[in-house]
Amino acid sequence: MKTTAQSSPSKKKPLRKTTMIRQTAFVRAMPSEIYDAFLNEKIHTEFTGAKATCERRVGGIFTAWDGYISGTNIKLENGRRIIQEWKTTEWPEGCTPSLIELHFIPKNGGTDITMIQKNIPPSLVNNYKRGWKDFYWNPLKEYFKKK
C-alpha cells in the first residue's frame, strides 16, 4: 500500500513565482573562445570592464561585475555548455538562485550562443533581459571584433 506524507497548510512555505529568459546572440569567435571568455577571469574582466573571478571547475565559485554577480559552476562541457547557479546582490532574500545555461554552437564562422536563465524573480526579469544584451552580448561582440 502506497501512502503519501502530507503537511498541514500552516507548515507549507509559500510558492514564489519565478520566470525565465531565453536569448540568443551570434558572436564572430569560436565556441571554445567564448566558453573561455566566460570562465577565464582575465578575459571576462577584459570584455566586461569589471572584475571577475572564477574557479574553473564543477563546484567552483565565480563572481562577475565587481561581485554584483556570484554563483557556482554546476556543469562544464569544454567549448559546448556551461550551467551555473547565479544570483546578484539585489536578489530577494529567500529566493532560490537562478539557473543559467549557456550553449555554444558553431555557425557561419562564429558561434550562436543560447542562454536560458530560470528561476528569476519577476521584479528583476526586465532588468536582466536588458542587462544580458548591454553587459554581455554587446561587449562580447566588441571584444572579439577587436581581436
N, C-alpha and C. Protein backbone atom coordinates (compact mmCIF):
# COMPACT_ATOMS: atom_id res chain seq x y z
N MET A 1 0.84 -1.18 0.00
CA MET A 1 0.00 0.00 0.00
C MET A 1 0.88 1.24 0.00
N LYS A 2 0.58 2.16 -0.85
CA LYS A 2 1.37 3.37 -1.00
C LYS A 2 0.71 4.52 -0.24
N THR A 3 1.49 5.22 0.56
CA THR A 3 0.96 6.38 1.27
C THR A 3 1.82 7.58 0.94
N THR A 4 1.22 8.73 1.04
CA THR A 4 1.97 9.96 0.82
C THR A 4 1.87 10.82 2.06
N ALA A 5 3.00 11.42 2.39
CA ALA A 5 3.01 12.29 3.56
C ALA A 5 2.41 13.63 3.17
N GLN A 6 1.60 14.17 4.04
CA GLN A 6 1.03 15.48 3.80
C GLN A 6 1.37 16.38 4.97
N SER A 7 1.69 17.61 4.65
CA SER A 7 1.95 18.55 5.73
C SER A 7 0.73 19.44 5.90
N SER A 8 0.60 19.96 7.08
CA SER A 8 -0.54 20.84 7.32
C SER A 8 -0.33 22.15 6.58
N PRO A 9 -1.40 22.83 6.21
CA PRO A 9 -1.27 24.09 5.46
C PRO A 9 -0.40 25.11 6.16
N SER A 10 -0.38 25.12 7.48
CA SER A 10 0.39 26.11 8.21
C SER A 10 1.90 25.87 8.09
N LYS A 11 2.31 24.64 7.72
CA LYS A 11 3.73 24.34 7.60
C LYS A 11 4.26 24.52 6.19
N LYS A 12 3.39 24.70 5.22
CA LYS A 12 3.84 24.88 3.84
C LYS A 12 4.42 26.26 3.65
N LYS A 13 5.52 26.29 2.90
CA LYS A 13 6.11 27.58 2.56
C LYS A 13 5.39 28.11 1.33
N PRO A 14 5.19 29.42 1.24
CA PRO A 14 4.52 29.97 0.06
C PRO A 14 5.37 29.76 -1.18
N LEU A 15 4.73 29.45 -2.29
CA LEU A 15 5.44 29.29 -3.54
C LEU A 15 5.80 30.66 -4.08
N ARG A 16 7.01 30.81 -4.53
CA ARG A 16 7.44 32.06 -5.13
C ARG A 16 7.36 31.92 -6.63
N LYS A 17 6.70 32.83 -7.26
CA LYS A 17 6.60 32.82 -8.70
C LYS A 17 7.93 33.27 -9.30
N THR A 18 8.41 32.55 -10.30
CA THR A 18 9.62 32.94 -11.00
C THR A 18 9.35 32.90 -12.49
N THR A 19 10.26 33.44 -13.23
CA THR A 19 10.12 33.45 -14.68
C THR A 19 11.45 33.06 -15.32
N MET A 20 11.48 33.05 -16.65
CA MET A 20 12.64 32.58 -17.39
C MET A 20 12.96 33.57 -18.52
N ILE A 21 14.24 33.64 -18.86
CA ILE A 21 14.69 34.41 -20.02
C ILE A 21 15.39 33.43 -20.96
N ARG A 22 15.12 33.59 -22.24
CA ARG A 22 15.84 32.83 -23.27
C ARG A 22 16.29 33.84 -24.32
N GLN A 23 17.60 33.87 -24.56
CA GLN A 23 18.15 34.79 -25.54
C GLN A 23 19.18 34.07 -26.39
N THR A 24 19.36 34.56 -27.62
CA THR A 24 20.43 34.06 -28.47
C THR A 24 21.24 35.24 -28.98
N ALA A 25 22.50 34.99 -29.20
CA ALA A 25 23.39 36.02 -29.74
C ALA A 25 24.40 35.33 -30.64
N PHE A 26 24.77 36.00 -31.71
CA PHE A 26 25.80 35.48 -32.60
C PHE A 26 27.07 36.29 -32.38
N VAL A 27 28.19 35.59 -32.18
CA VAL A 27 29.48 36.25 -31.97
C VAL A 27 30.49 35.65 -32.93
N ARG A 28 31.27 36.50 -33.58
CA ARG A 28 32.30 36.02 -34.52
C ARG A 28 33.55 35.58 -33.75
N ALA A 29 33.43 34.42 -33.13
CA ALA A 29 34.53 33.76 -32.42
C ALA A 29 34.16 32.29 -32.32
N MET A 30 35.15 31.46 -32.10
CA MET A 30 34.91 30.03 -31.99
C MET A 30 34.25 29.71 -30.63
N PRO A 31 33.46 28.63 -30.56
CA PRO A 31 32.81 28.26 -29.29
C PRO A 31 33.80 28.16 -28.13
N SER A 32 34.98 27.59 -28.36
CA SER A 32 35.96 27.44 -27.28
C SER A 32 36.43 28.80 -26.77
N GLU A 33 36.52 29.80 -27.66
CA GLU A 33 36.95 31.14 -27.24
C GLU A 33 35.88 31.81 -26.37
N ILE A 34 34.63 31.63 -26.72
CA ILE A 34 33.54 32.24 -25.95
C ILE A 34 33.39 31.52 -24.61
N TYR A 35 33.49 30.20 -24.63
CA TYR A 35 33.49 29.42 -23.39
C TYR A 35 34.57 29.96 -22.45
N ASP A 36 35.77 30.16 -23.01
CA ASP A 36 36.88 30.71 -22.22
C ASP A 36 36.57 32.10 -21.68
N ALA A 37 35.92 32.93 -22.49
CA ALA A 37 35.62 34.29 -22.06
C ALA A 37 34.72 34.31 -20.82
N PHE A 38 33.87 33.32 -20.68
CA PHE A 38 33.00 33.26 -19.50
C PHE A 38 33.73 32.71 -18.28
N LEU A 39 34.69 31.81 -18.48
CA LEU A 39 35.31 31.12 -17.33
C LEU A 39 36.71 31.58 -16.99
N ASN A 40 37.37 32.30 -17.89
CA ASN A 40 38.70 32.81 -17.63
C ASN A 40 38.55 34.21 -17.03
N GLU A 41 38.92 34.35 -15.77
CA GLU A 41 38.66 35.62 -15.08
C GLU A 41 39.35 36.81 -15.74
N LYS A 42 40.53 36.60 -16.33
CA LYS A 42 41.23 37.71 -17.00
C LYS A 42 40.45 38.16 -18.24
N ILE A 43 40.02 37.22 -19.08
CA ILE A 43 39.28 37.58 -20.30
C ILE A 43 37.91 38.15 -19.94
N HIS A 44 37.24 37.54 -18.95
CA HIS A 44 35.93 38.03 -18.52
C HIS A 44 36.04 39.48 -18.04
N THR A 45 37.06 39.76 -17.27
CA THR A 45 37.30 41.12 -16.78
C THR A 45 37.57 42.07 -17.96
N GLU A 46 38.35 41.62 -18.95
CA GLU A 46 38.66 42.46 -20.11
C GLU A 46 37.41 42.79 -20.92
N PHE A 47 36.59 41.79 -21.23
CA PHE A 47 35.46 42.09 -22.12
C PHE A 47 34.31 42.81 -21.43
N THR A 48 34.17 42.63 -20.10
CA THR A 48 33.10 43.35 -19.41
C THR A 48 33.57 44.70 -18.85
N GLY A 49 34.86 44.81 -18.57
CA GLY A 49 35.38 46.03 -17.96
C GLY A 49 35.20 46.07 -16.46
N ALA A 50 34.79 44.94 -15.87
CA ALA A 50 34.61 44.86 -14.41
C ALA A 50 35.25 43.57 -13.91
N LYS A 51 35.75 43.60 -12.69
CA LYS A 51 36.49 42.45 -12.13
C LYS A 51 35.62 41.19 -12.05
N ALA A 52 36.25 40.08 -12.45
CA ALA A 52 35.62 38.76 -12.37
C ALA A 52 36.61 37.80 -11.73
N THR A 53 36.09 36.80 -11.05
CA THR A 53 36.90 35.72 -10.51
C THR A 53 36.22 34.41 -10.90
N CYS A 54 37.01 33.33 -11.01
CA CYS A 54 36.39 32.05 -11.36
C CYS A 54 37.29 30.89 -10.99
N GLU A 55 36.73 29.96 -10.24
CA GLU A 55 37.37 28.66 -10.01
C GLU A 55 36.83 27.76 -11.12
N ARG A 56 37.65 27.52 -12.11
CA ARG A 56 37.22 26.86 -13.34
C ARG A 56 37.11 25.35 -13.16
N ARG A 57 36.10 24.95 -12.40
CA ARG A 57 35.82 23.54 -12.16
C ARG A 57 34.38 23.40 -11.70
N VAL A 58 33.82 22.21 -11.85
CA VAL A 58 32.47 21.96 -11.33
C VAL A 58 32.53 22.12 -9.81
N GLY A 59 31.61 22.88 -9.28
CA GLY A 59 31.60 23.19 -7.84
C GLY A 59 32.37 24.45 -7.51
N GLY A 60 33.12 24.97 -8.47
CA GLY A 60 33.90 26.19 -8.26
C GLY A 60 33.00 27.41 -8.20
N ILE A 61 33.42 28.39 -7.42
CA ILE A 61 32.63 29.61 -7.30
C ILE A 61 33.17 30.67 -8.26
N PHE A 62 32.31 31.61 -8.62
CA PHE A 62 32.71 32.69 -9.50
C PHE A 62 32.02 33.98 -9.08
N THR A 63 32.59 35.09 -9.49
CA THR A 63 31.97 36.40 -9.33
C THR A 63 32.16 37.16 -10.64
N ALA A 64 31.31 38.12 -10.88
CA ALA A 64 31.44 38.99 -12.05
C ALA A 64 30.94 40.38 -11.67
N TRP A 65 31.34 41.34 -12.46
CA TRP A 65 30.90 42.72 -12.25
C TRP A 65 31.20 43.20 -10.83
N ASP A 66 32.48 43.03 -10.44
CA ASP A 66 32.96 43.50 -9.13
C ASP A 66 32.16 42.91 -7.97
N GLY A 67 31.70 41.67 -8.13
CA GLY A 67 30.97 40.98 -7.06
C GLY A 67 29.46 41.14 -7.13
N TYR A 68 28.95 41.91 -8.07
CA TYR A 68 27.50 42.06 -8.22
C TYR A 68 26.84 40.72 -8.52
N ILE A 69 27.50 39.89 -9.36
CA ILE A 69 27.03 38.54 -9.69
C ILE A 69 27.92 37.55 -8.97
N SER A 70 27.31 36.50 -8.41
CA SER A 70 28.10 35.42 -7.81
C SER A 70 27.36 34.10 -8.00
N GLY A 71 28.11 33.02 -7.95
CA GLY A 71 27.47 31.73 -8.12
C GLY A 71 28.45 30.57 -8.11
N THR A 72 27.94 29.44 -8.60
CA THR A 72 28.69 28.18 -8.59
C THR A 72 28.56 27.51 -9.96
N ASN A 73 29.66 26.94 -10.43
CA ASN A 73 29.63 26.17 -11.68
C ASN A 73 29.02 24.80 -11.39
N ILE A 74 27.95 24.47 -12.09
CA ILE A 74 27.23 23.20 -11.90
C ILE A 74 27.69 22.15 -12.91
N LYS A 75 27.82 22.57 -14.17
CA LYS A 75 28.24 21.64 -15.21
C LYS A 75 29.06 22.41 -16.23
N LEU A 76 30.20 21.83 -16.62
CA LEU A 76 31.08 22.45 -17.60
C LEU A 76 31.41 21.44 -18.69
N GLU A 77 31.07 21.76 -19.93
CA GLU A 77 31.42 20.93 -21.08
C GLU A 77 32.25 21.80 -22.00
N ASN A 78 33.55 21.58 -22.00
CA ASN A 78 34.51 22.44 -22.67
C ASN A 78 34.09 22.84 -24.08
N GLY A 79 33.90 24.14 -24.28
CA GLY A 79 33.55 24.68 -25.58
C GLY A 79 32.12 24.45 -26.02
N ARG A 80 31.32 23.78 -25.20
CA ARG A 80 29.95 23.44 -25.60
C ARG A 80 28.87 24.01 -24.70
N ARG A 81 29.06 23.89 -23.37
CA ARG A 81 27.96 24.26 -22.47
C ARG A 81 28.49 24.60 -21.08
N ILE A 82 27.84 25.58 -20.47
CA ILE A 82 28.10 25.97 -19.08
C ILE A 82 26.75 26.04 -18.38
N ILE A 83 26.67 25.43 -17.20
CA ILE A 83 25.48 25.58 -16.35
C ILE A 83 25.97 26.10 -15.00
N GLN A 84 25.32 27.17 -14.53
CA GLN A 84 25.72 27.80 -13.28
C GLN A 84 24.50 28.18 -12.44
N GLU A 85 24.68 28.09 -11.12
CA GLU A 85 23.74 28.74 -10.20
C GLU A 85 24.23 30.17 -10.09
N TRP A 86 23.33 31.13 -10.05
CA TRP A 86 23.70 32.53 -10.24
C TRP A 86 22.73 33.43 -9.49
N LYS A 87 23.25 34.46 -8.87
CA LYS A 87 22.40 35.49 -8.27
C LYS A 87 23.18 36.79 -8.22
N THR A 88 22.46 37.87 -7.91
CA THR A 88 23.10 39.18 -7.82
C THR A 88 22.94 39.72 -6.40
N THR A 89 23.59 40.83 -6.15
CA THR A 89 23.49 41.44 -4.82
C THR A 89 22.09 41.96 -4.54
N GLU A 90 21.25 42.12 -5.58
CA GLU A 90 19.87 42.59 -5.38
C GLU A 90 18.87 41.43 -5.33
N TRP A 91 19.37 40.20 -5.25
CA TRP A 91 18.50 39.02 -5.22
C TRP A 91 17.64 39.04 -3.97
N PRO A 92 16.32 38.85 -4.10
CA PRO A 92 15.45 38.86 -2.92
C PRO A 92 15.80 37.74 -1.93
N GLU A 93 15.81 38.08 -0.68
CA GLU A 93 16.12 37.11 0.37
C GLU A 93 15.12 35.95 0.32
N GLY A 94 15.63 34.75 0.46
CA GLY A 94 14.79 33.57 0.47
C GLY A 94 14.52 32.97 -0.91
N CYS A 95 14.92 33.67 -1.97
CA CYS A 95 14.73 33.15 -3.32
C CYS A 95 15.86 32.20 -3.69
N THR A 96 15.51 31.12 -4.34
CA THR A 96 16.49 30.16 -4.85
C THR A 96 17.34 30.85 -5.91
N PRO A 97 18.64 30.54 -5.98
CA PRO A 97 19.45 31.12 -7.05
C PRO A 97 18.89 30.77 -8.43
N SER A 98 19.20 31.60 -9.37
CA SER A 98 18.83 31.37 -10.75
C SER A 98 19.70 30.26 -11.32
N LEU A 99 19.21 29.62 -12.35
CA LEU A 99 19.99 28.61 -13.06
C LEU A 99 20.22 29.13 -14.47
N ILE A 100 21.50 29.26 -14.84
CA ILE A 100 21.88 29.78 -16.16
C ILE A 100 22.45 28.62 -16.97
N GLU A 101 22.00 28.51 -18.19
CA GLU A 101 22.55 27.52 -19.10
C GLU A 101 22.98 28.23 -20.38
N LEU A 102 24.26 28.09 -20.72
CA LEU A 102 24.82 28.69 -21.92
C LEU A 102 25.23 27.57 -22.87
N HIS A 103 24.75 27.63 -24.11
CA HIS A 103 25.12 26.67 -25.15
C HIS A 103 25.89 27.41 -26.23
N PHE A 104 26.98 26.81 -26.71
CA PHE A 104 27.83 27.42 -27.73
C PHE A 104 27.80 26.52 -28.96
N ILE A 105 27.20 27.01 -30.06
CA ILE A 105 27.01 26.22 -31.26
C ILE A 105 27.72 26.89 -32.43
N PRO A 106 28.69 26.18 -33.06
CA PRO A 106 29.40 26.78 -34.20
C PRO A 106 28.44 27.06 -35.35
N LYS A 107 28.62 28.25 -35.97
CA LYS A 107 27.74 28.62 -37.08
C LYS A 107 28.40 29.72 -37.92
N ASN A 108 28.50 29.52 -39.21
CA ASN A 108 28.95 30.55 -40.16
C ASN A 108 30.21 31.31 -39.71
N GLY A 109 31.25 30.59 -39.30
CA GLY A 109 32.49 31.24 -38.89
C GLY A 109 32.43 31.92 -37.54
N GLY A 110 31.45 31.60 -36.75
CA GLY A 110 31.31 32.17 -35.42
C GLY A 110 30.55 31.21 -34.53
N THR A 111 29.84 31.76 -33.57
CA THR A 111 29.12 30.94 -32.59
C THR A 111 27.76 31.54 -32.28
N ASP A 112 26.76 30.68 -32.31
CA ASP A 112 25.45 31.04 -31.77
C ASP A 112 25.48 30.69 -30.29
N ILE A 113 25.22 31.67 -29.46
CA ILE A 113 25.13 31.45 -28.01
C ILE A 113 23.65 31.43 -27.68
N THR A 114 23.21 30.37 -27.03
CA THR A 114 21.85 30.34 -26.50
C THR A 114 21.97 30.37 -24.99
N MET A 115 21.28 31.32 -24.37
CA MET A 115 21.28 31.46 -22.92
C MET A 115 19.86 31.27 -22.41
N ILE A 116 19.73 30.40 -21.43
CA ILE A 116 18.45 30.19 -20.74
C ILE A 116 18.71 30.47 -19.27
N GLN A 117 17.97 31.40 -18.71
CA GLN A 117 18.09 31.72 -17.29
C GLN A 117 16.74 31.44 -16.64
N LYS A 118 16.73 30.52 -15.68
CA LYS A 118 15.49 30.13 -15.00
C LYS A 118 15.49 30.65 -13.56
N ASN A 119 14.31 30.62 -12.97
CA ASN A 119 14.11 30.99 -11.55
C ASN A 119 14.42 32.46 -11.27
N ILE A 120 13.97 33.33 -12.14
CA ILE A 120 14.20 34.76 -11.95
C ILE A 120 12.99 35.37 -11.27
N PRO A 121 13.19 36.07 -10.16
CA PRO A 121 12.06 36.78 -9.55
C PRO A 121 11.49 37.79 -10.55
N PRO A 122 10.17 37.85 -10.69
CA PRO A 122 9.55 38.74 -11.68
C PRO A 122 9.99 40.20 -11.56
N SER A 123 10.30 40.66 -10.36
CA SER A 123 10.71 42.06 -10.18
C SER A 123 12.05 42.36 -10.85
N LEU A 124 12.83 41.33 -11.21
CA LEU A 124 14.16 41.54 -11.78
C LEU A 124 14.25 41.20 -13.27
N VAL A 125 13.26 40.53 -13.80
CA VAL A 125 13.38 39.97 -15.15
C VAL A 125 13.62 41.02 -16.23
N ASN A 126 12.96 42.15 -16.22
CA ASN A 126 13.16 43.15 -17.26
C ASN A 126 14.57 43.73 -17.23
N ASN A 127 15.09 43.99 -16.04
CA ASN A 127 16.47 44.48 -15.92
C ASN A 127 17.46 43.45 -16.46
N TYR A 128 17.23 42.18 -16.18
CA TYR A 128 18.17 41.15 -16.61
C TYR A 128 18.08 40.91 -18.11
N LYS A 129 16.89 41.00 -18.68
CA LYS A 129 16.77 40.87 -20.15
C LYS A 129 17.64 41.91 -20.84
N ARG A 130 17.53 43.14 -20.40
CA ARG A 130 18.32 44.23 -20.97
C ARG A 130 19.80 44.08 -20.60
N GLY A 131 20.05 43.66 -19.36
CA GLY A 131 21.42 43.50 -18.88
C GLY A 131 22.24 42.49 -19.67
N TRP A 132 21.63 41.38 -20.05
CA TRP A 132 22.36 40.39 -20.85
C TRP A 132 22.82 41.01 -22.16
N LYS A 133 21.96 41.79 -22.79
CA LYS A 133 22.32 42.43 -24.06
C LYS A 133 23.39 43.51 -23.87
N ASP A 134 23.15 44.39 -22.91
CA ASP A 134 24.05 45.54 -22.71
C ASP A 134 25.39 45.17 -22.07
N PHE A 135 25.38 44.21 -21.18
CA PHE A 135 26.59 43.92 -20.39
C PHE A 135 27.28 42.61 -20.74
N TYR A 136 26.67 41.82 -21.62
CA TYR A 136 27.32 40.58 -22.06
C TYR A 136 27.38 40.45 -23.57
N TRP A 137 26.26 40.38 -24.26
CA TRP A 137 26.31 40.11 -25.71
C TRP A 137 27.02 41.22 -26.48
N ASN A 138 26.67 42.46 -26.26
CA ASN A 138 27.31 43.56 -27.00
C ASN A 138 28.80 43.68 -26.66
N PRO A 139 29.20 43.68 -25.38
CA PRO A 139 30.64 43.74 -25.09
C PRO A 139 31.42 42.53 -25.62
N LEU A 140 30.80 41.35 -25.60
CA LEU A 140 31.46 40.15 -26.11
C LEU A 140 31.71 40.28 -27.62
N LYS A 141 30.73 40.80 -28.34
CA LYS A 141 30.88 41.02 -29.79
C LYS A 141 32.01 42.02 -30.06
N GLU A 142 32.03 43.11 -29.30
CA GLU A 142 33.07 44.13 -29.46
C GLU A 142 34.45 43.58 -29.13
N TYR A 143 34.55 42.81 -28.07
CA TYR A 143 35.83 42.22 -27.65
C TYR A 143 36.42 41.37 -28.77
N PHE A 144 35.60 40.50 -29.37
CA PHE A 144 36.12 39.62 -30.41
C PHE A 144 36.28 40.34 -31.75
N LYS A 145 35.59 41.42 -31.95
CA LYS A 145 35.77 42.22 -33.17
C LYS A 145 37.17 42.83 -33.18
N LYS A 146 37.68 43.19 -32.00
CA LYS A 146 39.00 43.83 -31.86
C LYS A 146 40.14 42.82 -31.94
N LYS A 147 39.85 41.55 -31.73
CA LYS A 147 40.92 40.53 -31.70
C LYS A 147 41.35 40.15 -33.09
